[in-house]
Amino acid sequence: MSINKKQVEFTRTLARFLCWCFDNDYLVIGAEWYRTPAQARLYAEEGRGIVNSVHTKKLAVDLFRYKNGAISWDVEDYRAIGEKWKSMHPLARWGGDFKNRDAVHFSFLHNGVC
């Protein structure tokens, strides 16, 4: 699948996912849908990401769960939406499953990177 086709599929899946989140009272705030390669390098140097991040390909977004009047950083608060995201497309991956958990990360697999 071409990168542009994959970006279309990601965007379509994300739109359906966001509707599902709000329809099910999971309030989320979107961030970092696109990250420049320079920003990805900086994050990697700081230990907060990887150089070849799928954010640089427009195949990832960070969604912050807004719960009880604040942003949640508890992985368990993201589990239901992470499981839903993964069920929506064969390429969908959730950062809560990563070795270095990143519960706010929702992405598509691309060239072995998610």
PDB file of N, CA and C in Angstrom:
ATOM      1  N   MET A   1       0.854  -1.178   0.000  1.00  0.00           N
ATOM      2  CA  MET A   1       0.000   0.000   0.000  1.00  0.00           C
ATOM      3  C   MET A   1       0.896   1.237   0.000  1.00  0.00           C
ATOM      4  N   SER A   2       0.566   2.205  -0.834  1.00  0.00           N
ATOM      5  CA  SER A   2       1.364   3.435  -0.884  1.00  0.00           C
ATOM      6  C   SER A   2       1.204   4.209   0.416  1.00  0.00           C
ATOM      7  N   ILE A   3       2.166   5.084   0.678  1.00  0.00           N
ATOM      8  CA  ILE A   3       2.109   5.902   1.894  1.00  0.00           C
ATOM      9  C   ILE A   3       0.852   6.776   1.890  1.00  0.00           C
ATOM     10  N   ASN A   4       0.509   7.349   0.734  1.00  0.00           N
ATOM     11  CA  ASN A   4      -0.684   8.199   0.688  1.00  0.00           C
ATOM     12  C   ASN A   4      -1.956   7.397   0.947  1.00  0.00           C
ATOM     13  N   LYS A   5      -2.053   6.209   0.401  1.00  0.00           N
ATOM     14  CA  LYS A   5      -3.219   5.365   0.653  1.00  0.00           C
ATOM     15  C   LYS A   5      -3.291   5.015   2.143  1.00  0.00           C
ATOM     16  N   LYS A   6      -2.136   4.714   2.726  1.00  0.00           N
ATOM     17  CA  LYS A   6      -2.109   4.384   4.152  1.00  0.00           C
ATOM     18  C   LYS A   6      -2.518   5.598   4.995  1.00  0.00           C
ATOM     19  N   GLN A   7      -2.085   6.800   4.599  1.00  0.00           N
ATOM     20  CA  GLN A   7      -2.472   8.016   5.318  1.00  0.00           C
ATOM     21  C   GLN A   7      -3.982   8.246   5.230  1.00  0.00           C
ATOM     22  N   VAL A   8      -4.564   7.970   4.070  1.00  0.00           N
ATOM     23  CA  VAL A   8      -6.014   8.084   3.917  1.00  0.00           C
ATOM     24  C   VAL A   8      -6.709   7.094   4.844  1.00  0.00           C
ATOM     25  N   GLU A   9      -6.240   5.851   4.868  1.00  0.00           N
ATOM     26  CA  GLU A   9      -6.834   4.838   5.739  1.00  0.00           C
ATOM     27  C   GLU A   9      -6.688   5.213   7.209  1.00  0.00           C
ATOM     28  N   PHE A  10      -5.524   5.751   7.579  1.00  0.00           N
ATOM     29  CA  PHE A  10      -5.313   6.189   8.953  1.00  0.00           C
ATOM     30  C   PHE A  10      -6.307   7.295   9.319  1.00  0.00           C
ATOM     31  N   THR A  11      -6.424   8.284   8.453  1.00  0.00           N
ATOM     32  CA  THR A  11      -7.310   9.416   8.720  1.00  0.00           C
ATOM     33  C   THR A  11      -8.765   8.962   8.802  1.00  0.00           C
ATOM     34  N   ARG A  12      -9.175   8.093   7.900  1.00  0.00           N
ATOM     35  CA  ARG A  12     -10.546   7.572   7.925  1.00  0.00           C
ATOM     36  C   ARG A  12     -10.802   6.805   9.223  1.00  0.00           C
ATOM     37  N   THR A  13      -9.862   5.948   9.597  1.00  0.00           N
ATOM     38  CA  THR A  13     -10.010   5.157  10.811  1.00  0.00           C
ATOM     39  C   THR A  13     -10.012   6.063  12.037  1.00  0.00           C
ATOM     40  N   LEU A  14      -9.138   7.065  12.039  1.00  0.00           N
ATOM     41  CA  LEU A  14      -9.087   8.008  13.162  1.00  0.00           C
ATOM     42  C   LEU A  14     -10.408   8.761  13.302  1.00  0.00           C
ATOM     43  N   ALA A  15     -10.997   9.180  12.190  1.00  0.00           N
ATOM     44  CA  ALA A  15     -12.274   9.903  12.252  1.00  0.00           C
ATOM     45  C   ALA A  15     -13.357   9.023  12.874  1.00  0.00           C
ATOM     46  N   ARG A  16     -13.436   7.779  12.439  1.00  0.00           N
ATOM     47  CA  ARG A  16     -14.421   6.850  13.015  1.00  0.00           C
ATOM     48  C   ARG A  16     -14.132   6.616  14.493  1.00  0.00           C
ATOM     49  N   PHE A  17     -12.853   6.494  14.832  1.00  0.00           N
ATOM     50  CA  PHE A  17     -12.453   6.253  16.212  1.00  0.00           C
ATOM     51  C   PHE A  17     -12.812   7.433  17.121  1.00  0.00           C
ATOM     52  N   LEU A  18     -12.543   8.645  16.665  1.00  0.00           N
ATOM     53  CA  LEU A  18     -12.874   9.821  17.468  1.00  0.00           C
ATOM     54  C   LEU A  18     -14.377   9.919  17.698  1.00  0.00           C
ATOM     55  N   CYS A  19     -15.166   9.629  16.682  1.00  0.00           N
ATOM     56  CA  CYS A  19     -16.625   9.621  16.871  1.00  0.00           C
ATOM     57  C   CYS A  19     -17.012   8.582  17.911  1.00  0.00           C
ATOM     58  N   TRP A  20     -16.417   7.390  17.827  1.00  0.00           N
ATOM     59  CA  TRP A  20     -16.706   6.348  18.809  1.00  0.00           C
ATOM     60  C   TRP A  20     -16.336   6.819  20.219  1.00  0.00           C
ATOM     61  N   CYS A  21     -15.159   7.433  20.363  1.00  0.00           N
ATOM     62  CA  CYS A  21     -14.726   7.915  21.686  1.00  0.00           C
ATOM     63  C   CYS A  21     -15.759   8.855  22.282  1.00  0.00           C
ATOM     64  N   PHE A  22     -16.146   9.868  21.534  1.00  0.00           N
ATOM     65  CA  PHE A  22     -17.074  10.856  22.067  1.00  0.00           C
ATOM     66  C   PHE A  22     -18.475  10.280  22.255  1.00  0.00           C
ATOM     67  N   ASP A  23     -18.886   9.382  21.359  1.00  0.00           N
ATOM     68  CA  ASP A  23     -20.196   8.740  21.513  1.00  0.00           C
ATOM     69  C   ASP A  23     -20.255   7.871  22.768  1.00  0.00           C
ATOM     70  N   ASN A  24     -19.095   7.423  23.234  1.00  0.00           N
ATOM     71  CA  ASN A  24     -19.022   6.561  24.412  1.00  0.00           C
ATOM     72  C   ASN A  24     -18.451   7.273  25.636  1.00  0.00           C
ATOM     73  N   ASP A  25     -18.494   8.609  25.610  1.00  0.00           N
ATOM     74  CA  ASP A  25     -18.080   9.451  26.738  1.00  0.00           C
ATOM     75  C   ASP A  25     -16.613   9.324  27.124  1.00  0.00           C
ATOM     76  N   TYR A  26     -15.766   8.998  26.145  1.00  0.00           N
ATOM     77  CA  TYR A  26     -14.314   9.065  26.347  1.00  0.00           C
ATOM     78  C   TYR A  26     -13.867  10.387  25.742  1.00  0.00           C
ATOM     79  N   LEU A  27     -13.611  11.365  26.591  1.00  0.00           N
ATOM     80  CA  LEU A  27     -13.189  12.672  26.111  1.00  0.00           C
ATOM     81  C   LEU A  27     -11.690  12.640  25.843  1.00  0.00           C
ATOM     82  N   VAL A  28     -11.299  13.031  24.634  1.00  0.00           N
ATOM     83  CA  VAL A  28      -9.885  13.020  24.257  1.00  0.00           C
ATOM     84  C   VAL A  28      -9.493  14.354  23.639  1.00  0.00           C
ATOM     85  N   ILE A  29      -8.225  14.677  23.778  1.00  0.00           N
ATOM     86  CA  ILE A  29      -7.648  15.891  23.209  1.00  0.00           C
ATOM     87  C   ILE A  29      -6.525  15.453  22.281  1.00  0.00           C
ATOM     88  N   GLY A  30      -6.591  15.848  21.017  1.00  0.00           N
ATOM     89  CA  GLY A  30      -5.602  15.431  20.028  1.00  0.00           C
ATOM     90  C   GLY A  30      -4.351  16.289  20.041  1.00  0.00           C
ATOM     91  N   ALA A  31      -3.222  15.635  19.770  1.00  0.00           N
ATOM     92  CA  ALA A  31      -1.935  16.335  19.687  1.00  0.00           C
ATOM     93  C   ALA A  31      -0.974  15.519  18.826  1.00  0.00           C
ATOM     94  N   GLU A  32       0.028  16.170  18.295  1.00  0.00           N
ATOM     95  CA  GLU A  32       1.132  15.500  17.589  1.00  0.00           C
ATOM     96  C   GLU A  32       0.685  14.567  16.469  1.00  0.00           C
ATOM     97  N   TRP A  33      -0.245  15.014  15.637  1.00  0.00           N
ATOM     98  CA  TRP A  33      -0.615  14.209  14.485  1.00  0.00           C
ATOM     99  C   TRP A  33       0.546  14.214  13.495  1.00  0.00           C
ATOM    100  N   TYR A  34       1.220  15.331  13.360  1.00  0.00           N
ATOM    101  CA  TYR A  34       2.417  15.393  12.518  1.00  0.00           C
ATOM    102  C   TYR A  34       3.575  15.921  13.347  1.00  0.00           C
ATOM    103  N   ARG A  35       4.694  15.261  13.205  1.00  0.00           N
ATOM    104  CA  ARG A  35       5.920  15.655  13.890  1.00  0.00           C
ATOM    105  C   ARG A  35       6.999  15.784  12.817  1.00  0.00           C
ATOM    106  N   THR A  36       7.700  16.901  12.781  1.00  0.00           N
ATOM    107  CA  THR A  36       8.766  17.057  11.792  1.00  0.00           C
ATOM    108  C   THR A  36       9.911  16.089  12.102  1.00  0.00           C
ATOM    109  N   PRO A  37      10.684  15.725  11.099  1.00  0.00           N
ATOM    110  CA  PRO A  37      11.849  14.880  11.365  1.00  0.00           C
ATOM    111  C   PRO A  37      12.807  15.516  12.387  1.00  0.00           C
ATOM    112  N   ALA A  38      12.947  16.828  12.348  1.00  0.00           N
ATOM    113  CA  ALA A  38      13.815  17.510  13.317  1.00  0.00           C
ATOM    114  C   ALA A  38      13.271  17.341  14.734  1.00  0.00           C
ATOM    115  N   GLN A  39      11.956  17.459  14.898  1.00  0.00           N
ATOM    116  CA  GLN A  39      11.354  17.281  16.212  1.00  0.00           C
ATOM    117  C   GLN A  39      11.497  15.834  16.674  1.00  0.00           C
ATOM    118  N   ALA A  40      11.344  14.892  15.739  1.00  0.00           N
ATOM    119  CA  ALA A  40      11.509  13.470  16.090  1.00  0.00           C
ATOM    120  C   ALA A  40      12.933  13.195  16.573  1.00  0.00           C
ATOM    121  N   ARG A  41      13.919  13.796  15.906  1.00  0.00           N
ATOM    122  CA  ARG A  41      15.321  13.635  16.344  1.00  0.00           C
ATOM    123  C   ARG A  41      15.527  14.210  17.740  1.00  0.00           C
ATOM    124  N   LEU A  42      14.974  15.395  17.987  1.00  0.00           N
ATOM    125  CA  LEU A  42      15.097  16.029  19.298  1.00  0.00           C
ATOM    126  C   LEU A  42      14.467  15.154  20.376  1.00  0.00           C
ATOM    127  N   TYR A  43      13.251  14.661  20.121  1.00  0.00           N
ATOM    128  CA  TYR A  43      12.596  13.777  21.089  1.00  0.00           C
ATOM    129  C   TYR A  43      13.431  12.529  21.342  1.00  0.00           C
ATOM    130  N   ALA A  44      14.002  11.955  20.283  1.00  0.00           N
ATOM    131  CA  ALA A  44      14.827  10.754  20.433  1.00  0.00           C
ATOM    132  C   ALA A  44      16.058  11.050  21.291  1.00  0.00           C
ATOM    133  N   GLU A  45      16.678  12.194  21.065  1.00  0.00           N
ATOM    134  CA  GLU A  45      17.849  12.589  21.875  1.00  0.00           C
ATOM    135  C   GLU A  45      17.474  12.745  23.344  1.00  0.00           C
ATOM    136  N   GLU A  46      16.242  13.187  23.598  1.00  0.00           N
ATOM    137  CA  GLU A  46      15.766  13.369  24.972  1.00  0.00           C
ATOM    138  C   GLU A  46      15.205  12.084  25.573  1.00  0.00           C
ATOM    139  N   GLY A  47      15.180  11.008  24.775  1.00  0.00           N
ATOM    140  CA  GLY A  47      14.640   9.741  25.250  1.00  0.00           C
ATOM    141  C   GLY A  47      13.129   9.695  25.288  1.00  0.00           C
ATOM    142  N   ARG A  48      12.482  10.575  24.512  1.00  0.00           N
ATOM    143  CA  ARG A  48      11.020  10.662  24.515  1.00  0.00           C
ATOM    144  C   ARG A  48      10.402  10.206  23.202  1.00  0.00           C
ATOM    145  N   GLY A  49      11.140   9.466  22.410  1.00  0.00           N
ATOM    146  CA  GLY A  49      10.609   9.016  21.131  1.00  0.00           C
ATOM    147  C   GLY A  49      11.701   8.380  20.309  1.00  0.00           C
ATOM    148  N   ILE A  50      11.385   8.131  19.039  1.00  0.00           N
ATOM    149  CA  ILE A  50      12.350   7.521  18.130  1.00  0.00           C
ATOM    150  C   ILE A  50      12.504   8.382  16.886  1.00  0.00           C
ATOM    151  N   VAL A  51      13.665   8.292  16.265  1.00  0.00           N
ATOM    152  CA  VAL A  51      13.960   9.113  15.090  1.00  0.00           C
ATOM    153  C   VAL A  51      13.000   8.804  13.944  1.00  0.00           C
ATOM    154  N   ASN A  52      12.719   7.521  13.720  1.00  0.00           N
ATOM    155  CA  ASN A  52      11.865   7.154  12.589  1.00  0.00           C
ATOM    156  C   ASN A  52      10.392   7.024  12.991  1.00  0.00           C
ATOM    157  N   SER A  53       9.930   7.904  13.826  1.00  0.00           N
ATOM    158  CA  SER A  53       8.559   7.920  14.330  1.00  0.00           C
ATOM    159  C   SER A  53       7.540   7.965  13.189  1.00  0.00           C
ATOM    160  N   VAL A  54       6.470   7.190  13.325  1.00  0.00           N
ATOM    161  CA  VAL A  54       5.401   7.249  12.328  1.00  0.00           C
ATOM    162  C   VAL A  54       4.638   8.571  12.392  1.00  0.00           C
ATOM    163  N   HIS A  55       4.868   9.356  13.427  1.00  0.00           N
ATOM    164  CA  HIS A  55       4.308  10.719  13.446  1.00  0.00           C
ATOM    165  C   HIS A  55       4.858  11.521  12.268  1.00  0.00           C
ATOM    166  N   THR A  56       6.095  11.259  11.850  1.00  0.00           N
ATOM    167  CA  THR A  56       6.684  11.995  10.720  1.00  0.00           C
ATOM    168  C   THR A  56       6.063  11.591   9.392  1.00  0.00           C
ATOM    169  N   LYS A  57       5.301  10.508   9.391  1.00  0.00           N
ATOM    170  CA  LYS A  57       4.618  10.016   8.180  1.00  0.00           C
ATOM    171  C   LYS A  57       3.122  10.298   8.215  1.00  0.00           C
ATOM    172  N   LYS A  58       2.663  11.028   9.229  1.00  0.00           N
ATOM    173  CA  LYS A  58       1.234  11.319   9.419  1.00  0.00           C
ATOM    174  C   LYS A  58       0.432  10.040   9.606  1.00  0.00           C
ATOM    175  N   LEU A  59       1.047   9.095  10.342  1.00  0.00           N
ATOM    176  CA  LEU A  59       0.401   7.815  10.624  1.00  0.00           C
ATOM    177  C   LEU A  59       0.273   7.566  12.125  1.00  0.00           C
ATOM    178  N   ALA A  60       0.309   8.625  12.910  1.00  0.00           N
ATOM    179  CA  ALA A  60       0.152   8.501  14.357  1.00  0.00           C
ATOM    180  C   ALA A  60      -0.414   9.800  14.911  1.00  0.00           C
ATOM    181  N   VAL A  61      -1.084   9.651  16.033  1.00  0.00           N
ATOM    182  CA  VAL A  61      -1.594  10.809  16.761  1.00  0.00           C
ATOM    183  C   VAL A  61      -1.505  10.490  18.246  1.00  0.00           C
ATOM    184  N   ASP A  62      -1.276  11.498  19.042  1.00  0.00           N
ATOM    185  CA  ASP A  62      -1.345  11.347  20.488  1.00  0.00           C
ATOM    186  C   ASP A  62      -2.696  11.901  20.926  1.00  0.00           C
ATOM    187  N   LEU A  63      -3.415  11.089  21.677  1.00  0.00           N
ATOM    188  CA  LEU A  63      -4.729  11.489  22.191  1.00  0.00           C
ATOM    189  C   LEU A  63      -4.688  11.418  23.706  1.00  0.00           C
ATOM    190  N   PHE A  64      -4.918  12.548  24.339  1.00  0.00           N
ATOM    191  CA  PHE A  64      -4.881  12.636  25.789  1.00  0.00           C
ATOM    192  C   PHE A  64      -6.291  12.474  26.337  1.00  0.00           C
ATOM    193  N   ARG A  65      -6.455  11.556  27.261  1.00  0.00           N
ATOM    194  CA  ARG A  65      -7.759  11.283  27.873  1.00  0.00           C
ATOM    195  C   ARG A  65      -8.048  12.332  28.936  1.00  0.00           C
ATOM    196  N   TYR A  66      -9.168  13.007  28.774  1.00  0.00           N
ATOM    197  CA  TYR A  66      -9.619  14.020  29.720  1.00  0.00           C
ATOM    198  C   TYR A  66     -10.660  13.364  30.613  1.00  0.00           C
ATOM    199  N   LYS A  67     -10.328  13.224  31.891  1.00  0.00           N
ATOM    200  CA  LYS A  67     -11.193  12.497  32.816  1.00  0.00           C
ATOM    201  C   LYS A  67     -11.198  13.215  34.160  1.00  0.00           C
ATOM    202  N   ASN A  68     -12.370  13.388  34.707  1.00  0.00           N
ATOM    203  CA  ASN A  68     -12.522  14.037  36.012  1.00  0.00           C
ATOM    204  C   ASN A  68     -11.832  15.403  36.068  1.00  0.00           C
ATOM    205  N   GLY A  69     -11.942  16.150  34.974  1.00  0.00           N
ATOM    206  CA  GLY A  69     -11.431  17.506  34.943  1.00  0.00           C
ATOM    207  C   GLY A  69      -9.940  17.658  34.728  1.00  0.00           C
ATOM    208  N   ALA A  70      -9.251  16.571  34.339  1.00  0.00           N
ATOM    209  CA  ALA A  70      -7.801  16.653  34.132  1.00  0.00           C
ATOM    210  C   ALA A  70      -7.360  15.611  33.107  1.00  0.00           C
ATOM    211  N   ILE A  71      -6.164  15.802  32.589  1.00  0.00           N
ATOM    212  CA  ILE A  71      -5.556  14.807  31.700  1.00  0.00           C
ATOM    213  C   ILE A  71      -5.120  13.621  32.548  1.00  0.00           C
ATOM    214  N   SER A  72      -5.471  12.425  32.084  1.00  0.00           N
ATOM    215  CA  SER A  72      -5.052  11.214  32.790  1.00  0.00           C
ATOM    216  C   SER A  72      -3.760  10.672  32.183  1.00  0.00           C
ATOM    217  N   TRP A  73      -2.875  10.187  33.046  1.00  0.00           N
ATOM    218  CA  TRP A  73      -1.643   9.527  32.609  1.00  0.00           C
ATOM    219  C   TRP A  73      -1.650   8.059  33.005  1.00  0.00           C
ATOM    220  N   ASP A  74      -2.786   7.579  33.502  1.00  0.00           N
ATOM    221  CA  ASP A  74      -2.926   6.193  33.928  1.00  0.00           C
ATOM    222  C   ASP A  74      -3.227   5.315  32.705  1.00  0.00           C
ATOM    223  N   VAL A  75      -2.341   4.378  32.406  1.00  0.00           N
ATOM    224  CA  VAL A  75      -2.510   3.496  31.249  1.00  0.00           C
ATOM    225  C   VAL A  75      -3.873   2.821  31.265  1.00  0.00           C
ATOM    226  N   GLU A  76      -4.340   2.447  32.426  1.00  0.00           N
ATOM    227  CA  GLU A  76      -5.625   1.751  32.515  1.00  0.00           C
ATOM    228  C   GLU A  76      -6.792   2.618  32.070  1.00  0.00           C
ATOM    229  N   ASP A  77      -6.668   3.929  32.183  1.00  0.00           N
ATOM    230  CA  ASP A  77      -7.713   4.825  31.702  1.00  0.00           C
ATOM    231  C   ASP A  77      -7.796   4.834  30.174  1.00  0.00           C
ATOM    232  N   TYR A  78      -6.772   4.322  29.517  1.00  0.00           N
ATOM    233  CA  TYR A  78      -6.708   4.287  28.055  1.00  0.00           C
ATOM    234  C   TYR A  78      -6.999   2.905  27.489  1.00  0.00           C
ATOM    235  N   ARG A  79      -7.016   1.892  28.334  1.00  0.00           N
ATOM    236  CA  ARG A  79      -7.085   0.509  27.841  1.00  0.00           C
ATOM    237  C   ARG A  79      -8.291   0.262  26.941  1.00  0.00           C
ATOM    238  N   ALA A  80      -9.473   0.677  27.344  1.00  0.00           N
ATOM    239  CA  ALA A  80     -10.682   0.423  26.534  1.00  0.00           C
ATOM    240  C   ALA A  80     -10.583   1.093  25.170  1.00  0.00           C
ATOM    241  N   ILE A  81     -10.097   2.330  25.147  1.00  0.00           N
ATOM    242  CA  ILE A  81     -10.000   2.990  23.841  1.00  0.00           C
ATOM    243  C   ILE A  81      -8.837   2.418  23.028  1.00  0.00           C
ATOM    244  N   GLY A  82      -7.778   1.989  23.681  1.00  0.00           N
ATOM    245  CA  GLY A  82      -6.680   1.328  22.975  1.00  0.00           C
ATOM    246  C   GLY A  82      -7.137   0.041  22.319  1.00  0.00           C
ATOM    247  N   GLU A  83      -7.932  -0.748  23.042  1.00  0.00           N
ATOM    248  CA  GLU A  83      -8.451  -2.002  22.485  1.00  0.00           C
ATOM    249  C   GLU A  83      -9.403  -1.716  21.323  1.00  0.00           C
ATOM    250  N   LYS A  84     -10.240  -0.695  21.467  1.00  0.00           N
ATOM    251  CA  LYS A  84     -11.141  -0.326  20.376  1.00  0.00           C
ATOM    252  C   LYS A  84     -10.346   0.085  19.149  1.00  0.00           C
ATOM    253  N   TRP A  85      -9.333   0.933  19.328  1.00  0.00           N
ATOM    254  CA  TRP A  85      -8.505   1.383  18.204  1.00  0.00           C
ATOM    255  C   TRP A  85      -7.921   0.188  17.463  1.00  0.00           C
ATOM    256  N   LYS A  86      -7.343  -0.746  18.181  1.00  0.00           N
ATOM    257  CA  LYS A  86      -6.705  -1.915  17.554  1.00  0.00           C
ATOM    258  C   LYS A  86      -7.714  -2.765  16.785  1.00  0.00           C
ATOM    259  N   SER A  87      -8.972  -2.748  17.199  1.00  0.00           N
ATOM    260  CA  SER A  87      -9.992  -3.559  16.535  1.00  0.00           C
ATOM    261  C   SER A  87     -10.492  -2.930  15.234  1.00  0.00           C
ATOM    262  N   MET A  88     -10.134  -1.683  14.986  1.00  0.00           N
ATOM    263  CA  MET A  88     -10.719  -0.945  13.873  1.00  0.00           C
ATOM    264  C   MET A  88      -9.998  -1.109  12.541  1.00  0.00           C
ATOM    265  N   HIS A  89      -8.756  -1.590  12.562  1.00  0.00           N
ATOM    266  CA  HIS A  89      -7.996  -1.754  11.312  1.00  0.00           C
ATOM    267  C   HIS A  89      -6.835  -2.693  11.583  1.00  0.00           C
ATOM    268  N   PRO A  90      -6.482  -3.546  10.626  1.00  0.00           N
ATOM    269  CA  PRO A  90      -5.366  -4.479  10.856  1.00  0.00           C
ATOM    270  C   PRO A  90      -4.019  -3.804  11.105  1.00  0.00           C
ATOM    271  N   LEU A  91      -3.844  -2.568  10.672  1.00  0.00           N
ATOM    272  CA  LEU A  91      -2.579  -1.857  10.881  1.00  0.00           C
ATOM    273  C   LEU A  91      -2.558  -1.036  12.169  1.00  0.00           C
ATOM    274  N   ALA A  92      -3.696  -0.935  12.855  1.00  0.00           N
ATOM    275  CA  ALA A  92      -3.796  -0.081  14.040  1.00  0.00           C
ATOM    276  C   ALA A  92      -3.003  -0.653  15.211  1.00  0.00           C
ATOM    277  N   ARG A  93      -2.208   0.214  15.843  1.00  0.00           N
ATOM    278  CA  ARG A  93      -1.405  -0.158  17.005  1.00  0.00           C
ATOM    279  C   ARG A  93      -1.620   0.879  18.101  1.00  0.00           C
ATOM    280  N   TRP A  94      -1.528   0.412  19.355  1.00  0.00           N
ATOM    281  CA  TRP A  94      -1.710   1.293  20.512  1.00  0.00           C
ATOM    282  C   TRP A  94      -0.444   1.262  21.360  1.00  0.00           C
ATOM    283  N   GLY A  95       0.033   2.444  21.738  1.00  0.00           N
ATOM    284  CA  GLY A  95       1.257   2.571  22.519  1.00  0.00           C
ATOM    285  C   GLY A  95       1.202   1.964  23.905  1.00  0.00           C
ATOM    286  N   GLY A  96       0.032   1.693  24.420  1.00  0.00           N
ATOM    287  CA  GLY A  96      -0.090   1.041  25.718  1.00  0.00           C
ATOM    288  C   GLY A  96       0.429  -0.390  25.705  1.00  0.00           C
ATOM    289  N   ASP A  97       0.583  -0.956  24.501  1.00  0.00           N
ATOM    290  CA  ASP A  97       1.129  -2.306  24.353  1.00  0.00           C
ATOM    291  C   ASP A  97       2.646  -2.319  24.194  1.00  0.00           C
ATOM    292  N   PHE A  98       3.259  -1.161  24.021  1.00  0.00           N
ATOM    293  CA  PHE A  98       4.696  -1.089  23.766  1.00  0.00           C
ATOM    294  C   PHE A  98       5.494  -1.435  25.021  1.00  0.00           C
ATOM    295  N   LYS A  99       6.719  -1.878  24.819  1.00  0.00           N
ATOM    296  CA  LYS A  99       7.620  -2.167  25.948  1.00  0.00           C
ATOM    297  C   LYS A  99       7.748  -0.921  26.832  1.00  0.00           C
ATOM    298  N   ASN A 100       8.004   0.215  26.209  1.00  0.00           N
ATOM    299  CA  ASN A 100       8.003   1.503  26.918  1.00  0.00           C
ATOM    300  C   ASN A 100       6.622   2.105  26.686  1.00  0.00           C
ATOM    301  N   ARG A 101       5.711   1.803  27.561  1.00  0.00           N
ATOM    302  CA  ARG A 101       4.315   2.186  27.361  1.00  0.00           C
ATOM    303  C   ARG A 101       4.150   3.663  27.051  1.00  0.00           C
ATOM    304  N   ASP A 102       3.279   3.908  26.081  1.00  0.00           N
ATOM    305  CA  ASP A 102       2.951   5.255  25.633  1.00  0.00           C
ATOM    306  C   ASP A 102       1.447   5.270  25.367  1.00  0.00           C
ATOM    307  N   ALA A 103       0.674   5.281  26.431  1.00  0.00           N
ATOM    308  CA  ALA A 103      -0.776   5.081  26.339  1.00  0.00           C
ATOM    309  C   ALA A 103      -1.478   6.096  25.454  1.00  0.00           C
ATOM    310  N   VAL A 104      -0.884   7.260  25.236  1.00  0.00           N
ATOM    311  CA  VAL A 104      -1.537   8.302  24.444  1.00  0.00           C
ATOM    312  C   VAL A 104      -1.302   8.128  22.944  1.00  0.00           C
ATOM    313  N   HIS A 105      -0.497   7.142  22.558  1.00  0.00           N
ATOM    314  CA  HIS A 105      -0.068   6.949  21.167  1.00  0.00           C
ATOM    315  C   HIS A 105      -0.988   5.978  20.427  1.00  0.00           C
ATOM    316  N   PHE A 106      -1.543   6.438  19.296  1.00  0.00           N
ATOM    317  CA  PHE A 106      -2.400   5.637  18.437  1.00  0.00           C
ATOM    318  C   PHE A 106      -1.846   5.749  17.017  1.00  0.00           C
ATOM    319  N   SER A 107      -1.509   4.610  16.413  1.00  0.00           N
ATOM    320  CA  SER A 107      -0.789   4.673  15.140  1.00  0.00           C
ATOM    321  C   SER A 107      -1.151   3.528  14.217  1.00  0.00           C
ATOM    322  N   PHE A 108      -0.600   3.602  13.001  1.00  0.00           N
ATOM    323  CA  PHE A 108      -0.627   2.515  12.032  1.00  0.00           C
ATOM    324  C   PHE A 108       0.794   1.990  11.890  1.00  0.00           C
ATOM    325  N   LEU A 109       0.919   0.710  11.751  1.00  0.00           N
ATOM    326  CA  LEU A 109       2.203   0.072  11.474  1.00  0.00           C
ATOM    327  C   LEU A 109       2.677   0.489  10.091  1.00  0.00           C
ATOM    328  N   HIS A 110       3.965   0.855   9.977  1.00  0.00           N
ATOM    329  CA  HIS A 110       4.530   1.250   8.689  1.00  0.00           C
ATOM    330  C   HIS A 110       5.997   0.844   8.661  1.00  0.00           C
ATOM    331  N   ASN A 111       6.331  -0.029   7.732  1.00  0.00           N
ATOM    332  CA  ASN A 111       7.714  -0.504   7.577  1.00  0.00           C
ATOM    333  C   ASN A 111       8.292  -1.003   8.895  1.00  0.00           C
ATOM    334  N   GLY A 112       7.496  -1.734   9.635  1.00  0.00           N
ATOM    335  CA  GLY A 112       7.950  -2.328  10.895  1.00  0.00           C
ATOM    336  C   GLY A 112       7.936  -1.393  12.091  1.00  0.00           C
ATOM    337  N   VAL A 113       7.524  -0.158  11.901  1.00  0.00           N
ATOM    338  CA  VAL A 113       7.496   0.828  12.998  1.00  0.00           C
ATOM    339  C   VAL A 113       6.037   1.160  13.300  1.00  0.00           C
ATOM    340  N   CYS A 114       5.753   1.275  14.602  1.00  0.00           N
ATOM    341  CA  CYS A 114       4.392   1.659  14.974  1.00  0.00           C
ATOM    342  C   CYS A 114       4.480   2.744  16.020  1.00  0.00           C
TER     343      CYS A 114
END
